[in-house]
Amino acid sequence: MNEFERILESISELEEDHAKSLLKLTYARLDIAVNGNGDYTSKNCADDLVKMFRDIPRFIEMQKEQKD
């Protein structure tokens, strides 16, 4: 399974409250990039969002370990 597929699968495993938090963080980053003072560029935003999404599989694994 490639990284893209792994991330999509992990997103499907998110609990509702975590998914909502992820959406809020995503919107906050986009809003700062669009309406901020110019220090937070679109590239910074994209890099942060990609990192955030790449961390989801690790987050899911940590959740599974805590439940065991």
PDB file of N, CA and C in Angstrom:
ATOM      1  N   MET A   1       0.857  -1.166   0.000  1.00  0.00           N
ATOM      2  CA  MET A   1       0.000   0.000   0.000  1.00  0.00           C
ATOM      3  C   MET A   1       0.913   1.243   0.000  1.00  0.00           C
ATOM      4  N   ASN A   2       0.623   2.175  -0.886  1.00  0.00           N
ATOM      5  CA  ASN A   2       1.447   3.391  -0.940  1.00  0.00           C
ATOM      6  C   ASN A   2       0.978   4.401   0.121  1.00  0.00           C
ATOM      7  N   GLU A   3       1.759   5.452   0.271  1.00  0.00           N
ATOM      8  CA  GLU A   3       1.478   6.441   1.313  1.00  0.00           C
ATOM      9  C   GLU A   3       0.089   7.063   1.167  1.00  0.00           C
ATOM     10  N   PHE A   4      -0.278   7.414  -0.066  1.00  0.00           N
ATOM     11  CA  PHE A   4      -1.589   8.023  -0.312  1.00  0.00           C
ATOM     12  C   PHE A   4      -2.707   7.108   0.163  1.00  0.00           C
ATOM     13  N   GLU A   5      -2.650   5.840  -0.210  1.00  0.00           N
ATOM     14  CA  GLU A   5      -3.682   4.880   0.183  1.00  0.00           C
ATOM     15  C   GLU A   5      -3.702   4.673   1.696  1.00  0.00           C
ATOM     16  N   ARG A   6      -2.516   4.635   2.308  1.00  0.00           N
ATOM     17  CA  ARG A   6      -2.417   4.454   3.749  1.00  0.00           C
ATOM     18  C   ARG A   6      -3.062   5.633   4.486  1.00  0.00           C
ATOM     19  N   ILE A   7      -2.838   6.837   3.985  1.00  0.00           N
ATOM     20  CA  ILE A   7      -3.424   8.021   4.618  1.00  0.00           C
ATOM     21  C   ILE A   7      -4.943   8.023   4.452  1.00  0.00           C
ATOM     22  N   LEU A   8      -5.422   7.707   3.261  1.00  0.00           N
ATOM     23  CA  LEU A   8      -6.876   7.659   3.045  1.00  0.00           C
ATOM     24  C   LEU A   8      -7.534   6.619   3.939  1.00  0.00           C
ATOM     25  N   GLU A   9      -6.901   5.469   4.075  1.00  0.00           N
ATOM     26  CA  GLU A   9      -7.436   4.424   4.950  1.00  0.00           C
ATOM     27  C   GLU A   9      -7.460   4.905   6.400  1.00  0.00           C
ATOM     28  N   SER A  10      -6.406   5.585   6.814  1.00  0.00           N
ATOM     29  CA  SER A  10      -6.344   6.097   8.185  1.00  0.00           C
ATOM     30  C   SER A  10      -7.404   7.158   8.438  1.00  0.00           C
ATOM     31  N   ILE A  11      -7.654   8.008   7.456  1.00  0.00           N
ATOM     32  CA  ILE A  11      -8.698   9.029   7.592  1.00  0.00           C
ATOM     33  C   ILE A  11     -10.046   8.360   7.838  1.00  0.00           C
ATOM     34  N   SER A  12     -10.291   7.249   7.137  1.00  0.00           N
ATOM     35  CA  SER A  12     -11.552   6.519   7.313  1.00  0.00           C
ATOM     36  C   SER A  12     -11.696   5.952   8.720  1.00  0.00           C
ATOM     37  N   GLU A  13     -10.577   5.728   9.392  1.00  0.00           N
ATOM     38  CA  GLU A  13     -10.601   5.159  10.735  1.00  0.00           C
ATOM     39  C   GLU A  13     -10.717   6.217  11.831  1.00  0.00           C
ATOM     40  N   LEU A  14     -10.632   7.483  11.477  1.00  0.00           N
ATOM     41  CA  LEU A  14     -10.731   8.539  12.488  1.00  0.00           C
ATOM     42  C   LEU A  14     -12.105   8.536  13.140  1.00  0.00           C
ATOM     43  N   GLU A  15     -12.110   8.777  14.435  1.00  0.00           N
ATOM     44  CA  GLU A  15     -13.374   8.965  15.132  1.00  0.00           C
ATOM     45  C   GLU A  15     -13.908  10.348  14.768  1.00  0.00           C
ATOM     46  N   GLU A  16     -15.212  10.527  14.910  1.00  0.00           N
ATOM     47  CA  GLU A  16     -15.850  11.765  14.469  1.00  0.00           C
ATOM     48  C   GLU A  16     -15.234  13.012  15.097  1.00  0.00           C
ATOM     49  N   ASP A  17     -14.969  12.976  16.393  1.00  0.00           N
ATOM     50  CA  ASP A  17     -14.421  14.170  17.044  1.00  0.00           C
ATOM     51  C   ASP A  17     -13.012  14.486  16.546  1.00  0.00           C
ATOM     52  N   HIS A  18     -12.232  13.460  16.245  1.00  0.00           N
ATOM     53  CA  HIS A  18     -10.894  13.690  15.699  1.00  0.00           C
ATOM     54  C   HIS A  18     -10.963  14.218  14.265  1.00  0.00           C
ATOM     55  N   ALA A  19     -11.909  13.705  13.495  1.00  0.00           N
ATOM     56  CA  ALA A  19     -12.079  14.188  12.123  1.00  0.00           C
ATOM     57  C   ALA A  19     -12.490  15.658  12.114  1.00  0.00           C
ATOM     58  N   LYS A  20     -13.374  16.023  13.034  1.00  0.00           N
ATOM     59  CA  LYS A  20     -13.794  17.426  13.124  1.00  0.00           C
ATOM     60  C   LYS A  20     -12.626  18.314  13.527  1.00  0.00           C
ATOM     61  N   SER A  21     -11.814  17.837  14.444  1.00  0.00           N
ATOM     62  CA  SER A  21     -10.633  18.610  14.863  1.00  0.00           C
ATOM     63  C   SER A  21      -9.677  18.799  13.697  1.00  0.00           C
ATOM     64  N   LEU A  22      -9.496  17.753  12.914  1.00  0.00           N
ATOM     65  CA  LEU A  22      -8.624  17.838  11.741  1.00  0.00           C
ATOM     66  C   LEU A  22      -9.141  18.862  10.737  1.00  0.00           C
ATOM     67  N   LEU A  23     -10.447  18.878  10.527  1.00  0.00           N
ATOM     68  CA  LEU A  23     -11.034  19.873   9.624  1.00  0.00           C
ATOM     69  C   LEU A  23     -10.848  21.289  10.149  1.00  0.00           C
ATOM     70  N   LYS A  24     -11.023  21.472  11.450  1.00  0.00           N
ATOM     71  CA  LYS A  24     -10.843  22.798  12.048  1.00  0.00           C
ATOM     72  C   LYS A  24      -9.401  23.272  11.908  1.00  0.00           C
ATOM     73  N   LEU A  25      -8.443  22.371  12.157  1.00  0.00           N
ATOM     74  CA  LEU A  25      -7.030  22.727  11.999  1.00  0.00           C
ATOM     75  C   LEU A  25      -6.695  23.046  10.547  1.00  0.00           C
ATOM     76  N   THR A  26      -7.274  22.274   9.635  1.00  0.00           N
ATOM     77  CA  THR A  26      -7.050  22.518   8.204  1.00  0.00           C
ATOM     78  C   THR A  26      -7.567  23.896   7.823  1.00  0.00           C
ATOM     79  N   TYR A  27      -8.795  24.202   8.241  1.00  0.00           N
ATOM     80  CA  TYR A  27      -9.355  25.515   7.917  1.00  0.00           C
ATOM     81  C   TYR A  27      -8.544  26.645   8.545  1.00  0.00           C
ATOM     82  N   ALA A  28      -8.108  26.456   9.776  1.00  0.00           N
ATOM     83  CA  ALA A  28      -7.329  27.498  10.456  1.00  0.00           C
ATOM     84  C   ALA A  28      -6.049  27.799   9.676  1.00  0.00           C
ATOM     85  N   ARG A  29      -5.359  26.768   9.229  1.00  0.00           N
ATOM     86  CA  ARG A  29      -4.131  26.976   8.450  1.00  0.00           C
ATOM     87  C   ARG A  29      -4.434  27.709   7.143  1.00  0.00           C
ATOM     88  N   LEU A  30      -5.492  27.292   6.463  1.00  0.00           N
ATOM     89  CA  LEU A  30      -5.860  27.949   5.203  1.00  0.00           C
ATOM     90  C   LEU A  30      -6.229  29.407   5.430  1.00  0.00           C
ATOM     91  N   ASP A  31      -6.966  29.676   6.494  1.00  0.00           N
ATOM     92  CA  ASP A  31      -7.367  31.041   6.794  1.00  0.00           C
ATOM     93  C   ASP A  31      -6.152  31.926   7.077  1.00  0.00           C
ATOM     94  N   ILE A  32      -5.199  31.397   7.825  1.00  0.00           N
ATOM     95  CA  ILE A  32      -3.984  32.171   8.114  1.00  0.00           C
ATOM     96  C   ILE A  32      -3.221  32.459   6.821  1.00  0.00           C
ATOM     97  N   ALA A  33      -3.147  31.463   5.944  1.00  0.00           N
ATOM     98  CA  ALA A  33      -2.424  31.661   4.680  1.00  0.00           C
ATOM     99  C   ALA A  33      -3.098  32.726   3.819  1.00  0.00           C
ATOM    100  N   VAL A  34      -4.423  32.728   3.803  1.00  0.00           N
ATOM    101  CA  VAL A  34      -5.166  33.665   2.949  1.00  0.00           C
ATOM    102  C   VAL A  34      -5.314  35.042   3.599  1.00  0.00           C
ATOM    103  N   ASN A  35      -5.623  35.074   4.880  1.00  0.00           N
ATOM    104  CA  ASN A  35      -5.965  36.345   5.536  1.00  0.00           C
ATOM    105  C   ASN A  35      -4.920  36.843   6.529  1.00  0.00           C
ATOM    106  N   GLY A  36      -3.830  36.126   6.677  1.00  0.00           N
ATOM    107  CA  GLY A  36      -2.806  36.517   7.646  1.00  0.00           C
ATOM    108  C   GLY A  36      -2.000  37.711   7.172  1.00  0.00           C
ATOM    109  N   ASN A  37      -0.896  37.966   7.855  1.00  0.00           N
ATOM    110  CA  ASN A  37      -0.076  39.141   7.550  1.00  0.00           C
ATOM    111  C   ASN A  37       0.939  38.896   6.440  1.00  0.00           C
ATOM    112  N   GLY A  38       0.902  37.740   5.808  1.00  0.00           N
ATOM    113  CA  GLY A  38       1.809  37.448   4.702  1.00  0.00           C
ATOM    114  C   GLY A  38       3.030  36.634   5.098  1.00  0.00           C
ATOM    115  N   ASP A  39       3.269  36.466   6.397  1.00  0.00           N
ATOM    116  CA  ASP A  39       4.412  35.677   6.842  1.00  0.00           C
ATOM    117  C   ASP A  39       4.191  34.172   6.617  1.00  0.00           C
ATOM    118  N   TYR A  40       2.953  33.733   6.697  1.00  0.00           N
ATOM    119  CA  TYR A  40       2.603  32.328   6.519  1.00  0.00           C
ATOM    120  C   TYR A  40       2.151  32.145   5.072  1.00  0.00           C
ATOM    121  N   THR A  41       3.037  31.633   4.251  1.00  0.00           N
ATOM    122  CA  THR A  41       2.779  31.546   2.816  1.00  0.00           C
ATOM    123  C   THR A  41       1.956  30.309   2.461  1.00  0.00           C
ATOM    124  N   SER A  42       1.494  30.273   1.232  1.00  0.00           N
ATOM    125  CA  SER A  42       0.773  29.104   0.734  1.00  0.00           C
ATOM    126  C   SER A  42       1.654  27.861   0.793  1.00  0.00           C
ATOM    127  N   LYS A  43       2.934  28.033   0.526  1.00  0.00           N
ATOM    128  CA  LYS A  43       3.865  26.896   0.607  1.00  0.00           C
ATOM    129  C   LYS A  43       3.976  26.407   2.041  1.00  0.00           C
ATOM    130  N   ASN A  44       4.085  27.329   3.002  1.00  0.00           N
ATOM    131  CA  ASN A  44       4.111  26.931   4.420  1.00  0.00           C
ATOM    132  C   ASN A  44       2.844  26.156   4.770  1.00  0.00           C
ATOM    133  N   CYS A  45       1.725  26.666   4.311  1.00  0.00           N
ATOM    134  CA  CYS A  45       0.437  26.039   4.584  1.00  0.00           C
ATOM    135  C   CYS A  45       0.394  24.628   4.002  1.00  0.00           C
ATOM    136  N   ALA A  46       0.772  24.502   2.732  1.00  0.00           N
ATOM    137  CA  ALA A  46       0.756  23.190   2.085  1.00  0.00           C
ATOM    138  C   ALA A  46       1.683  22.224   2.810  1.00  0.00           C
ATOM    139  N   ASP A  47       2.867  22.672   3.174  1.00  0.00           N
ATOM    140  CA  ASP A  47       3.817  21.815   3.883  1.00  0.00           C
ATOM    141  C   ASP A  47       3.248  21.365   5.225  1.00  0.00           C
ATOM    142  N   ASP A  48       2.635  22.294   5.953  1.00  0.00           N
ATOM    143  CA  ASP A  48       2.043  21.952   7.252  1.00  0.00           C
ATOM    144  C   ASP A  48       0.893  20.955   7.102  1.00  0.00           C
ATOM    145  N   LEU A  49       0.046  21.179   6.097  1.00  0.00           N
ATOM    146  CA  LEU A  49      -1.092  20.284   5.893  1.00  0.00           C
ATOM    147  C   LEU A  49      -0.635  18.887   5.483  1.00  0.00           C
ATOM    148  N   VAL A  50       0.348  18.807   4.604  1.00  0.00           N
ATOM    149  CA  VAL A  50       0.868  17.503   4.189  1.00  0.00           C
ATOM    150  C   VAL A  50       1.444  16.774   5.401  1.00  0.00           C
ATOM    151  N   LYS A  51       2.210  17.483   6.220  1.00  0.00           N
ATOM    152  CA  LYS A  51       2.783  16.863   7.424  1.00  0.00           C
ATOM    153  C   LYS A  51       1.673  16.370   8.348  1.00  0.00           C
ATOM    154  N   MET A  52       0.642  17.184   8.523  1.00  0.00           N
ATOM    155  CA  MET A  52      -0.463  16.812   9.393  1.00  0.00           C
ATOM    156  C   MET A  52      -1.138  15.534   8.890  1.00  0.00           C
ATOM    157  N   PHE A  53      -1.399  15.459   7.593  1.00  0.00           N
ATOM    158  CA  PHE A  53      -2.052  14.284   7.034  1.00  0.00           C
ATOM    159  C   PHE A  53      -1.137  13.062   7.079  1.00  0.00           C
ATOM    160  N   ARG A  54       0.154  13.267   6.906  1.00  0.00           N
ATOM    161  CA  ARG A  54       1.091  12.140   6.978  1.00  0.00           C
ATOM    162  C   ARG A  54       1.198  11.586   8.398  1.00  0.00           C
ATOM    163  N   ASP A  55       0.850  12.386   9.388  1.00  0.00           N
ATOM    164  CA  ASP A  55       0.891  11.938  10.781  1.00  0.00           C
ATOM    165  C   ASP A  55      -0.346  11.138  11.186  1.00  0.00           C
ATOM    166  N   ILE A  56      -1.389  11.157  10.391  1.00  0.00           N
ATOM    167  CA  ILE A  56      -2.631  10.478  10.758  1.00  0.00           C
ATOM    168  C   ILE A  56      -2.431   8.977  10.954  1.00  0.00           C
ATOM    169  N   PRO A  57      -1.743   8.256  10.062  1.00  0.00           N
ATOM    170  CA  PRO A  57      -1.566   6.814  10.305  1.00  0.00           C
ATOM    171  C   PRO A  57      -0.875   6.522  11.640  1.00  0.00           C
ATOM    172  N   ARG A  58       0.113   7.321  12.002  1.00  0.00           N
ATOM    173  CA  ARG A  58       0.800   7.135  13.280  1.00  0.00           C
ATOM    174  C   ARG A  58      -0.163   7.398  14.436  1.00  0.00           C
ATOM    175  N   PHE A  59      -0.985   8.427  14.307  1.00  0.00           N
ATOM    176  CA  PHE A  59      -1.978   8.742  15.327  1.00  0.00           C
ATOM    177  C   PHE A  59      -2.953   7.576  15.508  1.00  0.00           C
ATOM    178  N   ILE A  60      -3.413   6.994  14.410  1.00  0.00           N
ATOM    179  CA  ILE A  60      -4.347   5.865  14.466  1.00  0.00           C
ATOM    180  C   ILE A  60      -3.684   4.686  15.171  1.00  0.00           C
ATOM    181  N   GLU A  61      -2.433   4.411  14.849  1.00  0.00           N
ATOM    182  CA  GLU A  61      -1.709   3.309  15.496  1.00  0.00           C
ATOM    183  C   GLU A  61      -1.578   3.550  16.996  1.00  0.00           C
ATOM    184  N   MET A  62      -1.276   4.758  17.390  1.00  0.00           N
ATOM    185  CA  MET A  62      -1.162   5.084  18.818  1.00  0.00           C
ATOM    186  C   MET A  62      -2.498   4.879  19.524  1.00  0.00           C
ATOM    187  N   GLN A  63      -3.583   5.251  18.860  1.00  0.00           N
ATOM    188  CA  GLN A  63      -4.911   5.056  19.442  1.00  0.00           C
ATOM    189  C   GLN A  63      -5.201   3.577  19.636  1.00  0.00           C
ATOM    190  N   LYS A  64      -4.857   2.773  18.635  1.00  0.00           N
ATOM    191  CA  LYS A  64      -5.096   1.322  18.729  1.00  0.00           C
ATOM    192  C   LYS A  64      -4.289   0.722  19.862  1.00  0.00           C
ATOM    193  N   GLU A  65      -3.050   1.158  20.026  1.00  0.00           N
ATOM    194  CA  GLU A  65      -2.198   0.637  21.096  1.00  0.00           C
ATOM    195  C   GLU A  65      -2.754   0.999  22.469  1.00  0.00           C
ATOM    196  N   GLN A  66      -3.309   2.196  22.594  1.00  0.00           N
ATOM    197  CA  GLN A  66      -3.856   2.628  23.880  1.00  0.00           C
ATOM    198  C   GLN A  66      -5.106   1.849  24.251  1.00  0.00           C
ATOM    199  N   LYS A  67      -5.854   1.385  23.251  1.00  0.00           N
ATOM    200  CA  LYS A  67      -7.078   0.640  23.506  1.00  0.00           C
ATOM    201  C   LYS A  67      -6.769  -0.793  23.916  1.00  0.00           C
ATOM    202  N   ASP A  68      -5.605  -1.302  23.543  1.00  0.00           N
ATOM    203  CA  ASP A  68      -5.238  -2.692  23.873  1.00  0.00           C
ATOM    204  C   ASP A  68      -4.822  -2.862  25.295  1.00  0.00           C
TER     205      ASP A  68
END
